[in-house]
Structures are given as structure tokens and as C-alpha cells.
């Protein structure tokens, strides 16, 4: 894997710090969760949630996907997959010859257990390369796309195995982001096959809107949300350009989870110390805006029974939630029917 000088080196470091600290903060402040109204409850190994540089896991295609943000040694597992019984079923190491450090921004998984990982590989001479890598079921890296100056901060897999990324373009000076499209479409055989949504169209131009953002691929569209830009992005596979909605986060709360159900209902988990819960997104295509509305009974003090303390993804039309009142805390995940608007 060849390398190039990247002006985006400062972005991975910022991302590393916020992701790993967010996971630890949530582990400390989340209360235990209630099994009420759950269709199923599964206890996962705490290693899926807690670690030195552990990012928040997410559920996708039958697996809870856990990753280490920062790795320094070849052969060190930095991706782990857990199945619906809570068991660790696969681990993999993303590494490239000559690397000194590998940073993983985002990981996606197919239903048959193949892994796609996005990140940056750093060498000791100061050069780096941003990448999207495909790993087969044995954990062997079979294909790599170098994304050049584009930083693939958030990725998801479309049904045709192509990769969508909501990412950044680094900085052309310490305080000036480099312009460029933030939504990209990649194919492992052809490279980049689509580029959309110029950075200038996002409302927050002072900071990087793709950090602490989320993206999910469903059967018909790509959904992304940037709390920093207060923007929800929807890109249908059959359309030529994305649709943007102005969607502020709930006041004083920070986003720590995002899910899109098979019925295309959208949910977020928002919290602050000792308070938070589950919110649903209502969109108004006419005005191009949307609102996060609290889901009844799931928002409140983290000690209140039934309050949601974690959102890990969607399994068809079920949400995977942690709830206050469960003695095992966030490592006990509840499959709960997504509430209808």
C-alpha cells in the first residue's frame, strides 16, 4: 500500500479522542436497563463496549461490530464481531506493511461476515494514507481503495456491496477546511464512482461536520446525520443527488447513537450526564426541515425505569437498546419493537 502526505492528519487524532472518550463516558454515566417491553434480551461481553481506545459498537446485518480506534502492532485484533447470542464469533486485524499506527474511523459488515473498514495508516516517516479495506471471512485483506485527500470518516455498505462514505477533506490551513464533496460512493473494482454534497452546502463551516456523525445504508437509500452541521442527509440509490434537511439536535443533548429501521423510521440516542433517551426523527420534505421528538417513556433521568441509555442499531424493525433498570447496564441489549410515530 503506497502512502502520501496528508493534510488530514489532525482529523484522525481529534476523532480518536472524541470517540474513545465518548465510549468511556457513557460506560461511566449510563445506569443499568429495564427489560420491560423487550422482545429479547442478550448480554454481550463487556469487551464489546469497553477498552483503551474502544469506539461505540453498532449492530449491522446480524452482528454487533466492535472496533479499536487506534492500533500500533501488526496482528493485533482491532475489529470484533459478536452474534445475536452475545458470543464473539470473529476477530480481525487491519494492518499494512510498514505502518507505525492504524486508525479505524468506521467499520461495516456483510450478512456473511465479510468486513469493510475505513481509516488511515501512518508510517514512521510522517506519511499516511487514507483507505477503505475489504476483509474476507478469514480476516484477510483482499482489496484496498486509497481515498487520497478524502477522509472516509463514516461508512456503510449498500446492498450491492458498494461503499458509501460521509467524510471530510482535511484542512488546507490550521483553521480552514479543504473544500470538496463530503458524500462519496466507492466500488472495490472501480474506485470512486460517485461524489456529492459539497462541503460549502453544510451549515457549520467552522468545524468538521463529519466528525461524530453517522451513516446507515438501507435497502433503498443512504441516511446520514451530522449533529455539528444540524443536517440530515438522504440519498436514494436511484436518485442523482442527496436531499438535505435542517435538523437541530435536542437542546443541550449530544448524540451517541443512530438507527434506521427496515420501514425507514429514523431514531437517535441523545444524552447529557444523568439525562437522555430515545428520539425519533420527523421530516418535512416541503420545508426541508426535521425535528427530533422524544419517544414517550424513554427519555428522562438515567435512573428512571425504562429510560433508554444506549441505541446500538436496528434489526429489521426492532431497535437494539440499553435501558435503565437492568442490573448489567449497557452490556445487556434489548431487542424492542420500534415505536410508531
Protein backbone atom coordinates (compact mmCIF):
# COMPACT_ATOMS: atom_id res chain seq x y z
CA UNK A 1 0.00 0.00 0.00
CA UNK A 2 1.65 3.22 -1.10
CA UNK A 3 1.49 6.37 1.04
CA UNK A 4 1.07 10.07 0.51
CA UNK A 5 1.41 13.18 2.63
CA UNK A 6 -1.98 14.02 4.15
CA UNK A 7 -3.16 17.39 5.44
CA UNK A 8 -5.86 15.49 7.29
CA UNK A 9 -3.53 14.07 9.97
CA UNK A 10 -5.03 16.31 12.67
CA UNK A 11 -8.56 15.00 11.97
CA UNK A 12 -7.81 11.36 12.89
CA UNK A 13 -6.29 12.46 16.21
CA UNK A 14 -9.35 14.57 17.08
CA UNK A 15 -11.65 11.74 16.06
CA UNK A 16 -9.67 9.23 18.09
CA UNK A 17 -10.02 11.29 21.26
CA UNK A 18 -13.72 12.05 21.00
CA UNK A 19 -14.74 8.53 20.03
CA UNK A 20 -12.82 6.70 22.72
CA UNK A 21 -13.69 9.24 25.44
CA UNK A 22 -17.38 9.16 24.47
CA UNK A 23 -17.49 5.40 24.92
CA UNK A 24 -15.84 5.58 28.33
CA UNK A 25 -18.07 8.49 29.44
CA UNK A 26 -21.16 6.57 28.52
CA UNK A 27 -19.91 3.49 30.30
CA UNK A 28 -19.46 5.50 33.48
CA UNK A 29 -22.68 7.52 33.40
CA UNK A 30 -25.21 5.08 31.97
CA UNK A 31 -27.46 3.42 34.50
CA UNK A 32 -28.41 -0.24 34.42
CA UNK A 33 -31.57 -1.11 31.80
CA UNK A 34 -35.27 -2.34 32.09
CA UNK A 35 -36.36 -5.48 30.27
CA UNK A 36 -39.94 -4.16 30.06
CA UNK A 37 -41.47 -4.39 26.55
CA UNK A 38 -38.40 -6.17 25.18
CA UNK A 39 -38.86 -8.99 22.68
CA UNK A 40 -35.42 -10.37 23.55
CA UNK A 41 -32.57 -9.56 25.92
CA UNK A 42 -28.98 -10.58 25.21
CA UNK A 43 -25.96 -9.99 27.42
CA UNK A 44 -22.78 -9.20 25.48
CA UNK A 45 -19.19 -9.43 26.63
CA UNK A 46 -18.07 -6.11 28.11
CA UNK A 47 -15.11 -6.16 25.74
CA UNK A 48 -17.54 -5.09 23.02
CA UNK A 49 -18.03 -1.77 24.82
CA UNK A 50 -15.00 -1.03 26.98
CA UNK A 51 -11.32 -0.77 26.06
CA UNK A 52 -8.36 1.55 25.91
CA UNK A 53 -9.43 3.08 22.60
CA UNK A 54 -12.75 1.31 22.11
CA UNK A 55 -15.31 3.09 19.94
CA UNK A 56 -19.04 2.67 20.47
CA UNK A 57 -20.20 -0.57 18.80
CA UNK A 58 -23.14 -0.82 16.42
CA UNK A 59 -25.44 -3.57 15.15
CA UNK A 60 -25.40 -4.45 11.47
CA UNK A 61 -26.50 -7.48 9.42
CA UNK A 62 -26.70 -9.82 12.41
CA UNK A 63 -23.51 -8.72 14.18
CA UNK A 64 -22.55 -6.31 16.92
CA UNK A 65 -19.46 -4.65 15.43
CA UNK A 66 -16.78 -3.50 17.87
CA UNK A 67 -13.53 -1.76 16.91
CA UNK A 68 -10.40 -0.31 18.43
CA UNK A 69 -9.82 3.21 17.12
CA UNK A 70 -6.03 3.10 17.37
CA UNK A 71 -3.64 0.15 16.82
CA UNK A 72 0.18 0.11 16.97
CA UNK A 73 1.07 -3.54 16.38
CA UNK A 74 0.74 -5.92 13.44
CA UNK A 75 -1.57 -8.83 14.17
CA UNK A 76 -3.39 -7.06 16.99
CA UNK A 77 -7.13 -7.60 16.56
CA UNK A 78 -8.86 -4.24 16.14
CA UNK A 79 -12.26 -5.49 14.92
CA UNK A 80 -14.54 -7.97 16.71
CA UNK A 81 -17.92 -9.36 15.67
CA UNK A 82 -20.49 -10.69 18.15
CA UNK A 83 -23.57 -12.64 17.07
CA UNK A 84 -27.15 -12.40 18.31
CA UNK A 85 -26.39 -14.73 21.23
CA UNK A 86 -23.75 -12.31 22.53
CA UNK A 87 -20.83 -14.60 21.61
CA UNK A 88 -17.63 -13.39 19.98
CA UNK A 89 -17.61 -15.13 16.58
CA UNK A 90 -14.85 -13.37 14.66
CA UNK A 91 -11.94 -11.01 15.15
CA UNK A 92 -9.72 -9.38 12.55
CA UNK A 93 -6.64 -7.21 12.37
CA UNK A 94 -6.41 -4.36 9.86
CA UNK A 95 -2.74 -3.56 9.27
CA UNK A 96 -0.43 -2.71 6.37
CA UNK A 97 3.29 -3.43 5.94
CA UNK A 98 5.44 -0.51 7.03
CA UNK A 99 2.74 1.02 9.21
CA UNK A 100 3.51 2.55 12.58
CA UNK A 101 -0.12 3.14 13.51
CA UNK A 102 -3.53 2.33 12.04
CA UNK A 103 -6.60 4.40 12.95
CA UNK A 104 -10.03 2.94 12.21
CA UNK A 105 -12.77 5.52 11.70
CA UNK A 106 -15.64 3.22 10.80
CA UNK A 107 -16.38 -0.47 10.16
CA UNK A 108 -19.21 -2.17 8.26
CA UNK A 109 -20.05 -5.85 7.92
CA UNK A 110 -21.95 -8.02 5.43
CA UNK A 111 -24.51 -10.64 6.43
CA UNK A 112 -21.98 -13.41 5.68
CA UNK A 113 -19.34 -11.86 7.92
CA UNK A 114 -17.08 -10.03 5.50
CA UNK A 115 -15.71 -6.77 6.89
CA UNK A 116 -15.16 -3.35 5.33
CA UNK A 117 -13.03 -0.93 7.34
CA UNK A 118 -12.16 2.72 6.77
CA UNK A 119 -9.23 4.54 8.30
CA UNK A 120 -5.72 5.90 7.96
CA UNK A 121 -2.37 4.10 8.04
CA UNK A 122 0.55 6.18 9.38
CA UNK A 123 4.25 5.47 8.72
CA UNK A 124 7.23 6.46 10.88
CA UNK A 125 8.45 8.92 8.23
CA UNK A 126 5.31 11.04 8.71
CA UNK A 127 3.48 9.93 5.57
CA UNK A 128 -0.02 8.49 5.72
CA UNK A 129 -2.73 7.03 3.52
CA UNK A 130 -6.49 7.05 3.99
CA UNK A 131 -8.09 3.77 2.96
CA UNK A 132 -11.20 1.62 2.68
CA UNK A 133 -10.29 -2.07 3.02
CA UNK A 134 -12.24 -5.26 2.34
CA UNK A 135 -11.56 -8.34 4.50
CA UNK A 136 -12.83 -11.79 3.65
CA UNK A 137 -14.36 -14.23 6.14
CA UNK A 138 -10.94 -15.39 7.28
CA UNK A 139 -9.95 -11.80 8.14
CA UNK A 140 -7.55 -11.49 5.20
CA UNK A 141 -7.44 -8.10 3.48
CA UNK A 142 -8.33 -8.75 -0.17
CA UNK A 143 -8.94 -5.27 -1.61
CA UNK A 144 -7.94 -1.73 -0.67
CA UNK A 145 -9.12 1.63 -2.03
CA UNK A 146 -6.86 4.59 -1.29
CA UNK A 147 -9.11 7.62 -0.94
CA UNK A 148 -6.31 10.20 -1.30
CA UNK A 149 -7.24 13.51 0.38
CA UNK A 150 -10.77 12.31 1.20
CA UNK A 151 -11.02 11.06 4.79
CA UNK A 152 -13.68 8.26 4.93
CA UNK A 153 -14.85 9.06 8.45
CA UNK A 154 -18.18 7.21 8.30
CA UNK A 155 -19.02 4.27 6.00
CA UNK A 156 -21.88 1.89 5.27
CA UNK A 157 -22.46 -0.93 2.79
CA UNK A 158 -25.19 -0.77 0.13
CA UNK A 159 -27.00 -3.98 -0.91
CA UNK A 160 -24.74 -4.25 -4.00
CA UNK A 161 -21.61 -4.31 -1.75
CA UNK A 162 -20.55 -0.83 -2.80
CA UNK A 163 -19.43 1.54 -0.04
CA UNK A 164 -20.90 4.92 0.85
CA UNK A 165 -18.95 7.36 2.98
CA UNK A 166 -19.81 10.64 4.66
CA UNK A 167 -16.34 12.05 5.17
CA UNK A 168 -14.08 15.06 5.12
CA UNK A 169 -11.28 16.50 3.04
CA UNK A 170 -8.84 17.59 5.72
CA UNK A 171 -7.58 21.14 6.13
CA UNK A 172 -5.69 23.41 3.77
CA UNK A 173 -4.59 25.54 6.76
CA UNK A 174 -4.92 25.02 10.54
CA UNK A 175 -8.30 26.81 10.58
CA UNK A 176 -9.55 26.37 7.02
CA UNK A 177 -11.14 23.08 5.88
CA UNK A 178 -10.27 21.97 2.36
CA UNK A 179 -13.32 22.25 0.05
CA UNK A 180 -14.73 19.18 -1.65
CA UNK A 181 -17.63 16.75 -1.68
CA UNK A 182 -18.48 15.03 1.61
CA UNK A 183 -20.63 12.13 0.37
CA UNK A 184 -18.70 9.64 -1.77
CA UNK A 185 -19.56 6.30 -3.39
CA UNK A 186 -16.89 3.61 -3.87
CA UNK A 187 -16.60 0.29 -5.66
CA UNK A 188 -13.69 -2.06 -4.89
CA UNK A 189 -13.25 -2.83 -8.59
CA UNK A 190 -13.66 0.70 -9.96
CA UNK A 191 -12.62 3.00 -7.11
CA UNK A 192 -14.66 6.15 -6.54
CA UNK A 193 -17.85 6.03 -8.63
CA UNK A 194 -19.81 8.97 -7.21
CA UNK A 195 -19.22 12.27 -5.44
CA UNK A 196 -21.91 14.50 -3.91
CA UNK A 197 -22.66 17.23 -1.38
CA UNK A 198 -20.02 19.98 -1.43
CA UNK A 199 -18.67 20.97 1.99
CA UNK A 200 -19.96 24.52 1.40
CA UNK A 201 -23.60 23.32 1.50
CA UNK A 202 -23.34 22.20 5.11
CA UNK A 203 -24.35 24.79 7.64
CA UNK A 204 -21.43 24.50 10.06
CA UNK A 205 -18.31 25.74 8.28
CA UNK A 206 -16.26 26.33 11.45
CA UNK A 207 -15.61 22.70 12.36
CA UNK A 208 -15.55 19.34 10.61
CA UNK A 209 -19.20 18.24 10.23
CA UNK A 210 -18.32 14.61 9.53
CA UNK A 211 -16.74 14.02 12.96
CA UNK A 212 -19.19 12.37 15.38
CA UNK A 213 -21.64 11.96 12.51
CA UNK A 214 -23.48 8.79 11.47
CA UNK A 215 -24.34 6.97 8.24
CA UNK A 216 -26.50 3.92 7.51
CA UNK A 217 -27.32 2.10 4.27
CA UNK A 218 -30.77 0.54 3.90
CA UNK A 219 -32.28 -1.42 1.02
CA UNK A 220 -33.20 1.75 -0.89
CA UNK A 221 -31.24 4.71 0.46
CA UNK A 222 -28.33 6.14 2.41
CA UNK A 223 -29.13 8.07 5.59
CA UNK A 224 -26.61 10.29 7.37
CA UNK A 225 -26.87 12.77 10.20
CA UNK A 226 -24.37 15.44 11.25
CA UNK A 227 -25.11 16.98 14.66
CA UNK A 228 -22.42 19.60 14.08
CA UNK A 229 -23.96 20.73 10.80
CA UNK A 230 -27.53 20.15 12.11
CA UNK A 231 -28.21 18.36 8.84
CA UNK A 232 -29.90 15.09 7.92
CA UNK A 233 -28.85 13.72 4.50
CA UNK A 234 -30.87 11.27 2.47
CA UNK A 235 -29.59 9.77 -0.77
CA UNK A 236 -31.80 7.29 -2.62
CA UNK A 237 -29.82 4.92 -4.80
CA UNK A 238 -31.99 5.70 -7.82
CA UNK A 239 -31.60 9.48 -7.50
CA UNK A 240 -28.86 11.73 -8.83
CA UNK A 241 -28.33 13.91 -5.75
CA UNK A 242 -28.96 13.86 -2.00
CA UNK A 243 -31.75 15.64 -0.15
CA UNK A 244 -30.82 17.84 2.82
CA UNK A 245 -32.94 18.63 5.87
CA UNK A 246 -32.14 21.16 8.57
CA UNK A 247 -32.45 19.16 11.80
CA UNK A 248 -31.10 20.65 15.07
CA UNK A 249 -30.25 18.24 17.87
CA UNK A 250 -32.40 18.36 21.02
CA UNK A 251 -31.27 21.30 23.17
CA UNK A 252 -28.18 20.68 25.37
CA UNK A 253 -28.01 16.99 24.42
CA UNK A 254 -25.31 15.19 22.44
CA UNK A 255 -25.90 12.34 20.02
CA UNK A 256 -24.46 8.91 20.83
CA UNK A 257 -26.46 6.54 18.61
CA UNK A 258 -28.32 6.40 15.30
CA UNK A 259 -30.57 3.76 13.70
CA UNK A 260 -32.76 3.37 10.61
CA UNK A 261 -35.34 0.56 10.58
CA UNK A 262 -36.43 -1.50 7.60
CA UNK A 263 -39.57 0.66 7.45
CA UNK A 264 -37.27 3.72 7.12
CA UNK A 265 -38.08 5.13 10.55
CA UNK A 266 -35.13 7.05 12.00
CA UNK A 267 -34.05 7.18 15.63
CA UNK A 268 -31.29 8.78 17.66
CA UNK A 269 -29.99 8.43 21.18
CA UNK A 270 -29.19 11.78 22.80
CA UNK A 271 -27.88 12.39 26.29
CA UNK A 272 -26.07 14.57 28.74
CA UNK A 273 -24.77 13.46 32.17
CA UNK A 274 -27.59 11.69 34.05
CA UNK A 275 -30.27 12.51 31.45
CA UNK A 276 -31.17 11.38 27.94
CA UNK A 277 -33.09 8.89 25.89
CA UNK A 278 -34.52 7.83 22.55
CA UNK A 279 -35.76 10.34 19.94
CA UNK A 280 -37.49 9.78 16.61
CA UNK A 281 -36.97 11.96 13.56
CA UNK A 282 -39.92 13.53 11.75
CA UNK A 283 -39.09 15.04 8.36
CA UNK A 284 -40.99 17.72 6.45
CA UNK A 285 -39.98 17.49 2.75
CA UNK A 286 -41.86 20.70 1.93
CA UNK A 287 -39.83 22.90 4.27
CA UNK A 288 -36.66 20.81 4.08
CA UNK A 289 -36.53 20.54 7.85
CA UNK A 290 -36.98 17.95 10.56
CA UNK A 291 -37.46 17.57 14.30
CA UNK A 292 -36.18 15.08 16.85
CA UNK A 293 -39.12 14.18 19.09
CA UNK A 294 -38.71 12.29 22.40
CA UNK A 295 -40.18 8.78 22.37
CA UNK A 296 -42.74 8.55 25.16
CA UNK A 297 -41.43 6.85 28.28
CA UNK A 298 -37.86 6.52 27.02
CA UNK A 299 -36.44 9.98 27.86
CA UNK A 300 -35.64 11.21 31.35
CA UNK A 301 -33.16 10.86 34.23
CA UNK A 302 -30.85 7.88 33.71
CA UNK A 303 -32.08 6.35 36.98
CA UNK A 304 -35.72 6.33 35.85
CA UNK A 305 -37.03 2.90 34.88
CA UNK A 306 -37.41 2.36 31.13
CA UNK A 307 -35.26 5.31 30.06
CA UNK A 308 -33.05 4.39 27.11
CA UNK A 309 -29.33 4.58 27.89
CA UNK A 310 -27.96 3.27 24.58
CA UNK A 311 -29.00 2.77 20.95
CA UNK A 312 -26.87 0.26 19.05
CA UNK A 313 -28.76 -0.06 15.77
CA UNK A 314 -31.79 -1.66 14.12
CA UNK A 315 -32.53 -5.29 13.33
CA UNK A 316 -35.30 -5.14 10.71
CA UNK A 317 -37.96 -3.15 12.60
CA UNK A 318 -36.57 -3.77 16.07
CA UNK A 319 -34.27 -1.34 17.84
CA UNK A 320 -31.35 -2.62 19.90
CA UNK A 321 -31.46 -0.65 23.13
CA UNK A 322 -29.96 -0.47 26.59
CA UNK A 323 -32.40 0.66 29.28
CA UNK A 324 -32.18 1.89 32.84
CA UNK A 325 -33.13 -0.71 35.40
CA UNK A 326 -31.09 -3.62 34.03
CA UNK A 327 -28.50 -4.76 36.57
CA UNK A 328 -25.95 -5.47 33.81
CA UNK A 329 -26.02 -1.96 32.37
CA UNK A 330 -25.36 -1.22 28.72
CA UNK A 331 -23.88 -4.66 28.01
CA UNK A 332 -27.44 -6.06 28.23
CA UNK A 333 -29.08 -5.23 24.90
CA UNK A 334 -32.84 -5.38 24.41
CA UNK A 335 -34.50 -6.06 21.06
CA UNK A 336 -37.54 -3.76 21.19
CA UNK A 337 -40.14 -3.08 18.51
CA UNK A 338 -39.50 0.37 17.05
CA UNK A 339 -42.25 2.72 18.31
CA UNK A 340 -44.52 4.02 15.59
CA UNK A 341 -44.90 7.79 15.20
